[in-house]
Amino acid sequence: MQTIVNSSNRLLPFGKKLKKYLPFFIGFKILTFTGFLTYLMNQ
């Protein structure tokens, strides 16, 4: 358990940056997926 905590603490600066951009990434994925679905339905 302690080794997991230590490795996550080493990755923390990257994790903070990732958490900042994660909602935008998820939103972009949802938008592109719904756009693709509507494109398929209109064919």
C-alpha atoms as a PDB file:
ATOM      1  CA  MET A   1       0.000   0.000   0.000  1.00  0.00           C
ATOM      2  CA  GLN A   2       2.807   2.409   0.891  1.00  0.00           C
ATOM      3  CA  THR A   3       4.544   1.852  -2.445  1.00  0.00           C
ATOM      4  CA  ILE A   4       1.335   2.791  -4.280  1.00  0.00           C
ATOM      5  CA  VAL A   5       1.113   6.005  -2.259  1.00  0.00           C
ATOM      6  CA  ASN A   6       4.758   6.839  -2.948  1.00  0.00           C
ATOM      7  CA  SER A   7       4.442   6.252  -6.694  1.00  0.00           C
ATOM      8  CA  SER A   8       1.262   8.345  -6.867  1.00  0.00           C
ATOM      9  CA  ASN A   9       2.992  11.165  -4.982  1.00  0.00           C
ATOM     10  CA  ARG A  10       5.767  11.153  -7.585  1.00  0.00           C
ATOM     11  CA  LEU A  11       3.150  11.452 -10.364  1.00  0.00           C
ATOM     12  CA  LEU A  12       1.154  14.137  -8.547  1.00  0.00           C
ATOM     13  CA  PRO A  13       2.210  17.214 -10.595  1.00  0.00           C
ATOM     14  CA  PHE A  14       1.182  15.413 -13.780  1.00  0.00           C
ATOM     15  CA  GLY A  15      -2.025  14.274 -12.079  1.00  0.00           C
ATOM     16  CA  LYS A  16      -2.918  17.831 -11.091  1.00  0.00           C
ATOM     17  CA  LYS A  17      -2.415  19.001 -14.661  1.00  0.00           C
ATOM     18  CA  LEU A  18      -4.475  16.062 -15.904  1.00  0.00           C
ATOM     19  CA  LYS A  19      -7.324  16.808 -13.490  1.00  0.00           C
ATOM     20  CA  LYS A  20      -7.435  20.379 -14.793  1.00  0.00           C
ATOM     21  CA  TYR A  21      -7.911  19.282 -18.418  1.00  0.00           C
ATOM     22  CA  LEU A  22      -9.967  16.128 -17.806  1.00  0.00           C
ATOM     23  CA  PRO A  23     -13.461  17.764 -18.060  1.00  0.00           C
ATOM     24  CA  PHE A  24     -12.528  19.373 -21.372  1.00  0.00           C
ATOM     25  CA  PHE A  25     -11.237  16.048 -22.669  1.00  0.00           C
ATOM     26  CA  ILE A  26     -14.402  14.220 -21.600  1.00  0.00           C
ATOM     27  CA  GLY A  27     -16.581  16.927 -23.144  1.00  0.00           C
ATOM     28  CA  PHE A  28     -14.649  16.761 -26.403  1.00  0.00           C
ATOM     29  CA  LYS A  29     -15.034  12.980 -26.488  1.00  0.00           C
ATOM     30  CA  ILE A  30     -18.798  13.209 -25.877  1.00  0.00           C
ATOM     31  CA  LEU A  31     -19.218  15.894 -28.556  1.00  0.00           C
ATOM     32  CA  THR A  32     -17.309  13.942 -31.185  1.00  0.00           C
ATOM     33  CA  PHE A  33     -19.136  10.721 -30.302  1.00  0.00           C
ATOM     34  CA  THR A  34     -22.591  12.311 -30.545  1.00  0.00           C
ATOM     35  CA  GLY A  35     -21.590  13.998 -33.791  1.00  0.00           C
ATOM     36  CA  PHE A  36     -20.497  10.645 -35.180  1.00  0.00           C
ATOM     37  CA  LEU A  37     -23.765   9.033 -34.066  1.00  0.00           C
ATOM     38  CA  THR A  38     -25.903  11.714 -35.692  1.00  0.00           C
ATOM     39  CA  TYR A  39     -23.827  11.379 -38.866  1.00  0.00           C
ATOM     40  CA  LEU A  40     -24.484   7.628 -38.905  1.00  0.00           C
ATOM     41  CA  MET A  41     -28.218   8.115 -38.253  1.00  0.00           C
ATOM     42  CA  ASN A  42     -28.552  10.626 -41.086  1.00  0.00           C
ATOM     43  CA  GLN A  43     -27.028   8.304 -43.642  1.00  0.00           C
END
